[in-house]
PDB file of all heavy atoms in Angstrom:
ATOM      1  N   ILE A   1       4.970 -12.814  11.135  1.00  0.00           N
ATOM      2  CA  ILE A   1       3.666 -13.383  10.992  1.00  0.00           C
ATOM      3  C   ILE A   1       3.612 -14.362   9.802  1.00  0.00           C
ATOM      4  O   ILE A   1       3.089 -15.471   9.907  1.00  0.00           O
ATOM      5  CB  ILE A   1       2.565 -12.277  10.801  1.00  0.00           C
ATOM      6  CG1 ILE A   1       2.423 -11.501  12.105  1.00  0.00           C
ATOM      7  CG2 ILE A   1       1.240 -12.819  10.354  1.00  0.00           C
ATOM      8  CD1 ILE A   1       1.548 -10.253  11.995  1.00  0.00           C
ATOM      9  N   SER A   2       4.221 -13.934   8.713  1.00  0.00           N
ATOM     10  CA  SER A   2       4.155 -14.786   7.491  1.00  0.00           C
ATOM     11  C   SER A   2       4.839 -16.120   7.759  1.00  0.00           C
ATOM     12  O   SER A   2       4.329 -17.196   7.335  1.00  0.00           O
ATOM     13  CB  SER A   2       4.775 -14.084   6.267  1.00  0.00           C
ATOM     14  OG  SER A   2       6.199 -13.955   6.457  1.00  0.00           O
ATOM     15  N   LEU A   3       5.949 -16.115   8.450  1.00  0.00           N
ATOM     16  CA  LEU A   3       6.665 -17.332   8.762  1.00  0.00           C
ATOM     17  C   LEU A   3       5.933 -18.155   9.812  1.00  0.00           C
ATOM     18  O   LEU A   3       5.912 -19.392   9.739  1.00  0.00           O
ATOM     19  CB  LEU A   3       8.102 -16.981   9.265  1.00  0.00           C
ATOM     20  CG  LEU A   3       9.010 -16.387   8.223  1.00  0.00           C
ATOM     21  CD1 LEU A   3      10.335 -15.932   8.882  1.00  0.00           C
ATOM     22  CD2 LEU A   3       9.268 -17.315   7.048  1.00  0.00           C
ATOM     23  N   SER A   4       5.278 -17.511  10.739  1.00  0.00           N
ATOM     24  CA  SER A   4       4.646 -18.196  11.871  1.00  0.00           C
ATOM     25  C   SER A   4       3.422 -18.953  11.393  1.00  0.00           C
ATOM     26  O   SER A   4       2.968 -19.956  12.067  1.00  0.00           O
ATOM     27  CB  SER A   4       4.317 -17.243  12.995  1.00  0.00           C
ATOM     28  OG  SER A   4       3.262 -16.385  12.564  1.00  0.00           O
ATOM     29  N   VAL A   5       2.763 -18.546  10.273  1.00  0.00           N
ATOM     30  CA  VAL A   5       1.584 -19.253   9.851  1.00  0.00           C
ATOM     31  C   VAL A   5       1.892 -20.208   8.709  1.00  0.00           C
ATOM     32  O   VAL A   5       0.960 -20.797   8.153  1.00  0.00           O
ATOM     33  CB  VAL A   5       0.463 -18.232   9.354  1.00  0.00           C
ATOM     34  CG1 VAL A   5       0.079 -17.286  10.568  1.00  0.00           C
ATOM     35  CG2 VAL A   5       0.941 -17.375   8.181  1.00  0.00           C
ATOM     36  N   GLY A   6       3.161 -20.332   8.323  1.00  0.00           N
ATOM     37  CA  GLY A   6       3.514 -21.412   7.375  1.00  0.00           C
ATOM     38  C   GLY A   6       3.925 -20.996   5.977  1.00  0.00           C
ATOM     39  O   GLY A   6       4.147 -21.881   5.125  1.00  0.00           O
ATOM     40  N   PHE A   7       4.065 -19.713   5.709  1.00  0.00           N
ATOM     41  CA  PHE A   7       4.498 -19.257   4.398  1.00  0.00           C
ATOM     42  C   PHE A   7       6.039 -19.255   4.357  1.00  0.00           C
ATOM     43  O   PHE A   7       6.705 -18.810   5.304  1.00  0.00           O
ATOM     44  CB  PHE A   7       3.979 -17.875   4.018  1.00  0.00           C
ATOM     45  CG  PHE A   7       2.493 -17.904   3.688  1.00  0.00           C
ATOM     46  CD1 PHE A   7       1.561 -17.595   4.733  1.00  0.00           C
ATOM     47  CD2 PHE A   7       2.062 -18.242   2.469  1.00  0.00           C
ATOM     48  CE1 PHE A   7       0.207 -17.625   4.437  1.00  0.00           C
ATOM     49  CE2 PHE A   7       0.692 -18.262   2.134  1.00  0.00           C
ATOM     50  CZ  PHE A   7      -0.225 -17.948   3.149  1.00  0.00           C
ATOM     51  N   SER A   8       6.645 -19.694   3.301  1.00  0.00           N
ATOM     52  CA  SER A   8       8.071 -19.802   3.202  1.00  0.00           C
ATOM     53  C   SER A   8       8.761 -18.536   2.850  1.00  0.00           C
ATOM     54  O   SER A   8       9.968 -18.388   3.020  1.00  0.00           O
ATOM     55  CB  SER A   8       8.437 -20.930   2.160  1.00  0.00           C
ATOM     56  OG  SER A   8       7.884 -20.571   0.902  1.00  0.00           O
ATOM     57  N   SER A   9       7.992 -17.541   2.270  1.00  0.00           N
ATOM     58  CA  SER A   9       8.612 -16.287   1.936  1.00  0.00           C
ATOM     59  C   SER A   9       7.600 -15.174   2.149  1.00  0.00           C
ATOM     60  O   SER A   9       6.380 -15.334   2.031  1.00  0.00           O
ATOM     61  CB  SER A   9       9.120 -16.349   0.480  1.00  0.00           C
ATOM     62  OG  SER A   9       8.039 -16.291  -0.430  1.00  0.00           O
ATOM     63  N   ILE A  10       8.150 -13.948   2.421  1.00  0.00           N
ATOM     64  CA  ILE A  10       7.252 -12.812   2.600  1.00  0.00           C
ATOM     65  C   ILE A  10       6.569 -12.424   1.292  1.00  0.00           C
ATOM     66  O   ILE A  10       5.448 -11.984   1.299  1.00  0.00           O
ATOM     67  CB  ILE A  10       8.083 -11.610   3.185  1.00  0.00           C
ATOM     68  CG1 ILE A  10       7.127 -10.459   3.534  1.00  0.00           C
ATOM     69  CG2 ILE A  10       9.181 -11.211   2.234  1.00  0.00           C
ATOM     70  CD1 ILE A  10       6.205 -10.719   4.648  1.00  0.00           C
ATOM     71  N   SER A  11       7.252 -12.601   0.156  1.00  0.00           N
ATOM     72  CA  SER A  11       6.631 -12.227  -1.136  1.00  0.00           C
ATOM     73  C   SER A  11       5.400 -13.122  -1.431  1.00  0.00           C
ATOM     74  O   SER A  11       4.423 -12.642  -1.923  1.00  0.00           O
ATOM     75  CB  SER A  11       7.707 -12.361  -2.232  1.00  0.00           C
ATOM     76  OG  SER A  11       8.188 -13.659  -2.350  1.00  0.00           O
ATOM     77  N   THR A  12       5.544 -14.429  -1.174  1.00  0.00           N
ATOM     78  CA  THR A  12       4.418 -15.349  -1.381  1.00  0.00           C
ATOM     79  C   THR A  12       3.259 -14.957  -0.465  1.00  0.00           C
ATOM     80  O   THR A  12       2.075 -14.898  -0.879  1.00  0.00           O
ATOM     81  CB  THR A  12       4.826 -16.784  -1.109  1.00  0.00           C
ATOM     82  OG1 THR A  12       5.894 -17.154  -1.980  1.00  0.00           O
ATOM     83  CG2 THR A  12       3.662 -17.739  -1.300  1.00  0.00           C
ATOM     84  N   PHE A  13       3.551 -14.648   0.812  1.00  0.00           N
ATOM     85  CA  PHE A  13       2.537 -14.231   1.750  1.00  0.00           C
ATOM     86  C   PHE A  13       1.832 -12.976   1.310  1.00  0.00           C
ATOM     87  O   PHE A  13       0.609 -12.938   1.299  1.00  0.00           O
ATOM     88  CB  PHE A  13       3.181 -14.033   3.121  1.00  0.00           C
ATOM     89  CG  PHE A  13       2.217 -13.449   4.164  1.00  0.00           C
ATOM     90  CD1 PHE A  13       1.079 -14.064   4.561  1.00  0.00           C
ATOM     91  CD2 PHE A  13       2.540 -12.220   4.812  1.00  0.00           C
ATOM     92  CE1 PHE A  13       0.215 -13.558   5.462  1.00  0.00           C
ATOM     93  CE2 PHE A  13       1.688 -11.643   5.685  1.00  0.00           C
ATOM     94  CZ  PHE A  13       0.510 -12.265   6.071  1.00  0.00           C
ATOM     95  N   ASN A  14       2.601 -11.968   0.904  1.00  0.00           N
ATOM     96  CA  ASN A  14       2.039 -10.715   0.460  1.00  0.00           C
ATOM     97  C   ASN A  14       1.078 -10.896  -0.707  1.00  0.00           C
ATOM     98  O   ASN A  14      -0.023 -10.355  -0.828  1.00  0.00           O
ATOM     99  CB  ASN A  14       3.154  -9.722   0.065  1.00  0.00           C
ATOM    100  CG  ASN A  14       3.733  -9.108   1.342  1.00  0.00           C
ATOM    101  OD1 ASN A  14       3.167  -9.005   2.387  1.00  0.00           O
ATOM    102  ND2 ASN A  14       5.030  -8.698   1.132  1.00  0.00           N
ATOM    103  N   ARG A  15       1.531 -11.749  -1.710  1.00  0.00           N
ATOM    104  CA  ARG A  15       0.748 -11.945  -2.896  1.00  0.00           C
ATOM    105  C   ARG A  15      -0.585 -12.639  -2.590  1.00  0.00           C
ATOM    106  O   ARG A  15      -1.646 -12.251  -3.032  1.00  0.00           O
ATOM    107  CB  ARG A  15       1.559 -12.803  -3.907  1.00  0.00           C
ATOM    108  CG  ARG A  15       0.796 -13.201  -5.171  1.00  0.00           C
ATOM    109  CD  ARG A  15       1.728 -13.865  -6.189  1.00  0.00           C
ATOM    110  NE  ARG A  15       2.433 -14.986  -5.570  1.00  0.00           N
ATOM    111  CZ  ARG A  15       1.864 -16.225  -5.396  1.00  0.00           C
ATOM    112  NH1 ARG A  15       0.604 -16.454  -5.785  1.00  0.00           N
ATOM    113  NH2 ARG A  15       2.610 -17.187  -4.884  1.00  0.00           N
ATOM    114  N   ILE A  16      -0.500 -13.752  -1.783  1.00  0.00           N
ATOM    115  CA  ILE A  16      -1.692 -14.533  -1.497  1.00  0.00           C
ATOM    116  C   ILE A  16      -2.628 -13.699  -0.596  1.00  0.00           C
ATOM    117  O   ILE A  16      -3.849 -13.753  -0.765  1.00  0.00           O
ATOM    118  CB  ILE A  16      -1.336 -15.876  -0.849  1.00  0.00           C
ATOM    119  CG1 ILE A  16      -0.567 -16.721  -1.881  1.00  0.00           C
ATOM    120  CG2 ILE A  16      -2.535 -16.602  -0.324  1.00  0.00           C
ATOM    121  CD1 ILE A  16      -0.096 -18.054  -1.432  1.00  0.00           C
ATOM    122  N   PHE A  17      -2.104 -12.977   0.378  1.00  0.00           N
ATOM    123  CA  PHE A  17      -2.953 -12.143   1.262  1.00  0.00           C
ATOM    124  C   PHE A  17      -3.650 -11.105   0.459  1.00  0.00           C
ATOM    125  O   PHE A  17      -4.893 -10.906   0.690  1.00  0.00           O
ATOM    126  CB  PHE A  17      -2.048 -11.485   2.312  1.00  0.00           C
ATOM    127  CG  PHE A  17      -2.888 -10.905   3.410  1.00  0.00           C
ATOM    128  CD1 PHE A  17      -3.073 -11.630   4.593  1.00  0.00           C
ATOM    129  CD2 PHE A  17      -3.424  -9.622   3.307  1.00  0.00           C
ATOM    130  CE1 PHE A  17      -3.919 -11.057   5.628  1.00  0.00           C
ATOM    131  CE2 PHE A  17      -4.124  -9.066   4.354  1.00  0.00           C
ATOM    132  CZ  PHE A  17      -4.399  -9.778   5.495  1.00  0.00           C
ATOM    133  N   ARG A  18      -2.959 -10.504  -0.499  1.00  0.00           N
ATOM    134  CA  ARG A  18      -3.674  -9.434  -1.335  1.00  0.00           C
ATOM    135  C   ARG A  18      -4.754 -10.114  -2.167  1.00  0.00           C
ATOM    136  O   ARG A  18      -5.856  -9.521  -2.322  1.00  0.00           O
ATOM    137  CB  ARG A  18      -2.669  -8.745  -2.191  1.00  0.00           C
ATOM    138  CG  ARG A  18      -3.206  -7.571  -2.917  1.00  0.00           C
ATOM    139  CD  ARG A  18      -2.170  -6.868  -3.790  1.00  0.00           C
ATOM    140  NE  ARG A  18      -2.752  -5.682  -4.376  1.00  0.00           N
ATOM    141  CZ  ARG A  18      -2.727  -4.458  -3.827  1.00  0.00           C
ATOM    142  NH1 ARG A  18      -2.102  -4.323  -2.626  1.00  0.00           N
ATOM    143  NH2 ARG A  18      -3.286  -3.441  -4.409  1.00  0.00           N
ATOM    144  N   GLN A  19      -4.512 -11.304  -2.707  1.00  0.00           N
ATOM    145  CA  GLN A  19      -5.555 -11.969  -3.465  1.00  0.00           C
ATOM    146  C   GLN A  19      -6.775 -12.263  -2.638  1.00  0.00           C
ATOM    147  O   GLN A  19      -7.886 -12.173  -3.091  1.00  0.00           O
ATOM    148  CB  GLN A  19      -4.953 -13.268  -4.041  1.00  0.00           C
ATOM    149  CG  GLN A  19      -4.004 -13.105  -5.154  1.00  0.00           C
ATOM    150  CD  GLN A  19      -3.309 -14.383  -5.563  1.00  0.00           C
ATOM    151  OE1 GLN A  19      -3.474 -15.435  -4.925  1.00  0.00           O
ATOM    152  NE2 GLN A  19      -2.584 -14.349  -6.668  1.00  0.00           N
ATOM    153  N   SER A  20      -6.527 -12.629  -1.368  1.00  0.00           N
ATOM    154  CA  SER A  20      -7.666 -13.002  -0.483  1.00  0.00           C
ATOM    155  C   SER A  20      -8.388 -11.816   0.081  1.00  0.00           C
ATOM    156  O   SER A  20      -9.632 -11.859   0.312  1.00  0.00           O
ATOM    157  CB  SER A  20      -7.151 -13.878   0.679  1.00  0.00           C
ATOM    158  OG  SER A  20      -6.518 -15.056   0.221  1.00  0.00           O
ATOM    159  N   ASN A  21      -7.683 -10.707   0.396  1.00  0.00           N
ATOM    160  CA  ASN A  21      -8.307  -9.562   1.074  1.00  0.00           C
ATOM    161  C   ASN A  21      -8.324  -8.274   0.318  1.00  0.00           C
ATOM    162  O   ASN A  21      -8.837  -7.274   0.807  1.00  0.00           O
ATOM    163  CB  ASN A  21      -7.533  -9.346   2.390  1.00  0.00           C
ATOM    164  CG  ASN A  21      -7.684 -10.493   3.400  1.00  0.00           C
ATOM    165  OD1 ASN A  21      -8.705 -10.684   4.012  1.00  0.00           O
ATOM    166  ND2 ASN A  21      -6.649 -11.334   3.449  1.00  0.00           N
ATOM    167  N   ASN A  22      -7.808  -8.343  -0.905  1.00  0.00           N
ATOM    168  CA  ASN A  22      -7.831  -7.112  -1.753  1.00  0.00           C
ATOM    169  C   ASN A  22      -7.057  -5.940  -1.107  1.00  0.00           C
ATOM    170  O   ASN A  22      -7.360  -4.803  -1.342  1.00  0.00           O
ATOM    171  CB  ASN A  22      -9.229  -6.684  -2.106  1.00  0.00           C
ATOM    172  CG  ASN A  22      -9.243  -5.866  -3.384  1.00  0.00           C
ATOM    173  OD1 ASN A  22      -8.521  -6.157  -4.361  1.00  0.00           O
ATOM    174  ND2 ASN A  22     -10.128  -4.898  -3.406  1.00  0.00           N
ATOM    175  N   CYS A  23      -6.071  -6.237  -0.249  1.00  0.00           N
ATOM    176  CA  CYS A  23      -5.264  -5.279   0.343  1.00  0.00           C
ATOM    177  C   CYS A  23      -3.999  -5.936   0.789  1.00  0.00           C
ATOM    178  O   CYS A  23      -3.954  -7.161   1.001  1.00  0.00           O
ATOM    179  CB  CYS A  23      -5.917  -4.567   1.507  1.00  0.00           C
ATOM    180  SG  CYS A  23      -6.292  -5.572   2.958  1.00  0.00           S
ATOM    181  N   THR A  24      -2.924  -5.194   1.059  1.00  0.00           N
ATOM    182  CA  THR A  24      -1.693  -5.820   1.460  1.00  0.00           C
ATOM    183  C   THR A  24      -1.793  -6.037   3.024  1.00  0.00           C
ATOM    184  O   THR A  24      -2.685  -5.435   3.692  1.00  0.00           O
ATOM    185  CB  THR A  24      -0.480  -4.847   1.259  1.00  0.00           C
ATOM    186  OG1 THR A  24      -0.685  -3.689   2.068  1.00  0.00           O
ATOM    187  CG2 THR A  24      -0.430  -4.513  -0.226  1.00  0.00           C
ATOM    188  N   PRO A  25      -0.943  -6.865   3.583  1.00  0.00           N
ATOM    189  CA  PRO A  25      -0.912  -7.049   5.026  1.00  0.00           C
ATOM    190  C   PRO A  25      -0.753  -5.708   5.808  1.00  0.00           C
ATOM    191  O   PRO A  25      -1.324  -5.516   6.794  1.00  0.00           O
ATOM    192  CB  PRO A  25       0.257  -8.012   5.270  1.00  0.00           C
ATOM    193  CG  PRO A  25       0.319  -8.785   3.991  1.00  0.00           C
ATOM    194  CD  PRO A  25       0.006  -7.783   2.952  1.00  0.00           C
ATOM    195  N   SER A  26       0.107  -4.827   5.276  1.00  0.00           N
ATOM    196  CA  SER A  26       0.334  -3.536   5.928  1.00  0.00           C
ATOM    197  C   SER A  26      -0.987  -2.710   5.905  1.00  0.00           C
ATOM    198  O   SER A  26      -1.297  -2.089   6.908  1.00  0.00           O
ATOM    199  CB  SER A  26       1.440  -2.761   5.162  1.00  0.00           C
ATOM    200  OG  SER A  26       2.630  -3.469   5.283  1.00  0.00           O
ATOM    201  N   GLU A  27      -1.681  -2.701   4.775  1.00  0.00           N
ATOM    202  CA  GLU A  27      -2.987  -1.963   4.723  1.00  0.00           C
ATOM    203  C   GLU A  27      -3.954  -2.550   5.626  1.00  0.00           C
ATOM    204  O   GLU A  27      -4.767  -1.841   6.302  1.00  0.00           O
ATOM    205  CB  GLU A  27      -3.467  -1.965   3.257  1.00  0.00           C
ATOM    206  CG  GLU A  27      -2.616  -1.128   2.326  1.00  0.00           C
ATOM    207  CD  GLU A  27      -2.921  -1.363   0.855  1.00  0.00           C
ATOM    208  OE1 GLU A  27      -3.528  -2.412   0.558  1.00  0.00           O
ATOM    209  OE2 GLU A  27      -2.571  -0.529  -0.010  1.00  0.00           O
ATOM    210  N   TYR A  28      -4.026  -3.881   5.719  1.00  0.00           N
ATOM    211  CA  TYR A  28      -4.956  -4.574   6.629  1.00  0.00           C
ATOM    212  C   TYR A  28      -4.642  -4.190   8.035  1.00  0.00           C
ATOM    213  O   TYR A  28      -5.563  -3.883   8.851  1.00  0.00           O
ATOM    214  CB  TYR A  28      -4.818  -6.093   6.398  1.00  0.00           C
ATOM    215  CG  TYR A  28      -5.796  -6.915   7.197  1.00  0.00           C
ATOM    216  CD1 TYR A  28      -7.009  -7.306   6.625  1.00  0.00           C
ATOM    217  CD2 TYR A  28      -5.547  -7.293   8.487  1.00  0.00           C
ATOM    218  CE1 TYR A  28      -7.912  -8.073   7.331  1.00  0.00           C
ATOM    219  CE2 TYR A  28      -6.446  -8.071   9.208  1.00  0.00           C
ATOM    220  CZ  TYR A  28      -7.637  -8.452   8.652  1.00  0.00           C
ATOM    221  OH  TYR A  28      -8.548  -9.228   9.346  1.00  0.00           O
ATOM    222  N   ARG A  29      -3.409  -4.200   8.386  1.00  0.00           N
ATOM    223  CA  ARG A  29      -3.015  -3.853   9.805  1.00  0.00           C
ATOM    224  C   ARG A  29      -3.418  -2.365  10.119  1.00  0.00           C
ATOM    225  O   ARG A  29      -3.916  -2.143  11.235  1.00  0.00           O
ATOM    226  CB  ARG A  29      -1.475  -4.062  10.019  1.00  0.00           C
ATOM    227  CG  ARG A  29      -1.000  -3.479  11.290  1.00  0.00           C
ATOM    228  CD  ARG A  29       0.461  -3.939  11.586  1.00  0.00           C
ATOM    229  NE  ARG A  29       0.435  -5.203  12.284  1.00  0.00           N
ATOM    230  CZ  ARG A  29       1.502  -5.929  12.638  1.00  0.00           C
ATOM    231  NH1 ARG A  29       2.706  -5.544  12.208  1.00  0.00           N
ATOM    232  NH2 ARG A  29       1.342  -7.048  13.324  1.00  0.00           N
ATOM    233  N   ARG A  30      -3.218  -1.524   9.183  1.00  0.00           N
ATOM    234  CA  ARG A  30      -3.510  -0.097   9.412  1.00  0.00           C
ATOM    235  C   ARG A  30      -5.044   0.089   9.639  1.00  0.00           C
ATOM    236  O   ARG A  30      -5.460   0.838  10.432  1.00  0.00           O
ATOM    237  CB  ARG A  30      -3.046   0.754   8.198  1.00  0.00           C
ATOM    238  CG  ARG A  30      -3.187   2.255   8.471  1.00  0.00           C
ATOM    239  CD  ARG A  30      -2.409   3.039   7.430  1.00  0.00           C
ATOM    240  NE  ARG A  30      -2.816   2.773   6.075  1.00  0.00           N
ATOM    241  CZ  ARG A  30      -2.096   2.094   5.148  1.00  0.00           C
ATOM    242  NH1 ARG A  30      -0.926   1.595   5.474  1.00  0.00           N
ATOM    243  NH2 ARG A  30      -2.527   1.900   3.945  1.00  0.00           N
ATOM    244  N   LYS A  31      -5.801  -0.684   8.935  1.00  0.00           N
ATOM    245  CA  LYS A  31      -7.294  -0.594   9.074  1.00  0.00           C
ATOM    246  C   LYS A  31      -7.747  -1.048  10.458  1.00  0.00           C
ATOM    247  O   LYS A  31      -8.789  -0.659  10.960  1.00  0.00           O
ATOM    248  CB  LYS A  31      -7.970  -1.411   7.993  1.00  0.00           C
ATOM    249  CG  LYS A  31      -7.868  -0.831   6.605  1.00  0.00           C
ATOM    250  CD  LYS A  31      -8.427  -1.819   5.549  1.00  0.00           C
ATOM    251  CE  LYS A  31      -8.231  -1.287   4.185  1.00  0.00           C
ATOM    252  NZ  LYS A  31      -8.775  -2.180   3.117  1.00  0.00           N
ATOM    253  N   HIS A  32      -6.898  -1.955  11.105  1.00  0.00           N
ATOM    254  CA  HIS A  32      -7.256  -2.403  12.433  1.00  0.00           C
ATOM    255  C   HIS A  32      -6.660  -1.585  13.498  1.00  0.00           C
ATOM    256  O   HIS A  32      -6.880  -1.859  14.732  1.00  0.00           O
ATOM    257  CB  HIS A  32      -6.812  -3.882  12.528  1.00  0.00           C
ATOM    258  CG  HIS A  32      -7.700  -4.848  11.947  1.00  0.00           C
ATOM    259  ND1 HIS A  32      -7.724  -5.085  10.554  1.00  0.00           N
ATOM    260  CD2 HIS A  32      -8.659  -5.653  12.475  1.00  0.00           C
ATOM    261  CE1 HIS A  32      -8.668  -5.978  10.324  1.00  0.00           C
ATOM    262  NE2 HIS A  32      -9.205  -6.341  11.358  1.00  0.00           N
ATOM    263  N   ASP A  33      -5.872  -0.570  13.190  1.00  0.00           N
ATOM    264  CA  ASP A  33      -5.212   0.259  14.177  1.00  0.00           C
ATOM    265  C   ASP A  33      -5.802   1.677  14.108  1.00  0.00           C
ATOM    266  O   ASP A  33      -5.365   2.444  13.217  1.00  0.00           O
ATOM    267  CB  ASP A  33      -3.685   0.279  13.962  1.00  0.00           C
ATOM    268  CG  ASP A  33      -2.985   0.969  15.122  1.00  0.00           C
ATOM    269  OD1 ASP A  33      -3.612   1.731  15.847  1.00  0.00           O
ATOM    270  OD2 ASP A  33      -1.720   0.733  15.226  1.00  0.00           O
ATOM    271  N   PRO A  34      -6.648   2.049  15.024  1.00  0.00           N
ATOM    272  CA  PRO A  34      -7.267   3.365  14.915  1.00  0.00           C
ATOM    273  C   PRO A  34      -6.292   4.536  14.923  1.00  0.00           C
ATOM    274  O   PRO A  34      -6.470   5.542  14.288  1.00  0.00           O
ATOM    275  CB  PRO A  34      -8.164   3.429  16.221  1.00  0.00           C
ATOM    276  CG  PRO A  34      -8.399   1.988  16.571  1.00  0.00           C
ATOM    277  CD  PRO A  34      -7.125   1.276  16.149  1.00  0.00           C
ATOM    278  N   LEU A  35      -5.141   4.368  15.677  1.00  0.00           N
ATOM    279  CA  LEU A  35      -4.155   5.399  15.766  1.00  0.00           C
ATOM    280  C   LEU A  35      -3.488   5.675  14.420  1.00  0.00           C
ATOM    281  O   LEU A  35      -3.171   6.809  14.084  1.00  0.00           O
ATOM    282  CB  LEU A  35      -3.097   5.076  16.820  1.00  0.00           C
ATOM    283  CG  LEU A  35      -3.590   5.012  18.299  1.00  0.00           C
ATOM    284  CD1 LEU A  35      -2.483   4.621  19.201  1.00  0.00           C
ATOM    285  CD2 LEU A  35      -4.164   6.362  18.708  1.00  0.00           C
ATOM    286  N   LYS A  36      -3.269   4.621  13.646  1.00  0.00           N
ATOM    287  CA  LYS A  36      -2.610   4.728  12.295  1.00  0.00           C
ATOM    288  C   LYS A  36      -3.580   5.270  11.259  1.00  0.00           C
ATOM    289  O   LYS A  36      -3.102   5.627  10.214  1.00  0.00           O
ATOM    290  CB  LYS A  36      -2.035   3.369  11.916  1.00  0.00           C
ATOM    291  CG  LYS A  36      -0.855   2.963  12.756  1.00  0.00           C
ATOM    292  CD  LYS A  36      -0.241   1.646  12.210  1.00  0.00           C
ATOM    293  CE  LYS A  36       0.929   1.252  13.087  1.00  0.00           C
ATOM    294  NZ  LYS A  36       1.551  -0.012  12.600  1.00  0.00           N
ATOM    295  N   ARG A  37      -4.882   5.269  11.527  1.00  0.00           N
ATOM    296  CA  ARG A  37      -5.797   5.834  10.611  1.00  0.00           C
ATOM    297  C   ARG A  37      -5.962   7.326  10.758  1.00  0.00           C
ATOM    298  O   ARG A  37      -6.626   7.974   9.947  1.00  0.00           O
ATOM    299  CB  ARG A  37      -7.167   5.098  10.747  1.00  0.00           C
ATOM    300  CG  ARG A  37      -7.154   3.651  10.339  1.00  0.00           C
ATOM    301  CD  ARG A  37      -8.544   3.231   9.964  1.00  0.00           C
ATOM    302  NE  ARG A  37      -9.509   3.408  11.040  1.00  0.00           N
ATOM    303  CZ  ARG A  37      -9.877   2.390  11.847  1.00  0.00           C
ATOM    304  NH1 ARG A  37      -9.273   1.214  11.749  1.00  0.00           N
ATOM    305  NH2 ARG A  37     -10.721   2.635  12.800  1.00  0.00           N
TER     306      ARG A  37
END
């Protein structure tokens, strides 16, 4: 996902995503998956 939307590295994506959403991409995904909650 990070590469497909234009980020050059997973670390940059994780940092900017957390700044924007106050959670990591993994935490965000878990919130959207009822089974994982």
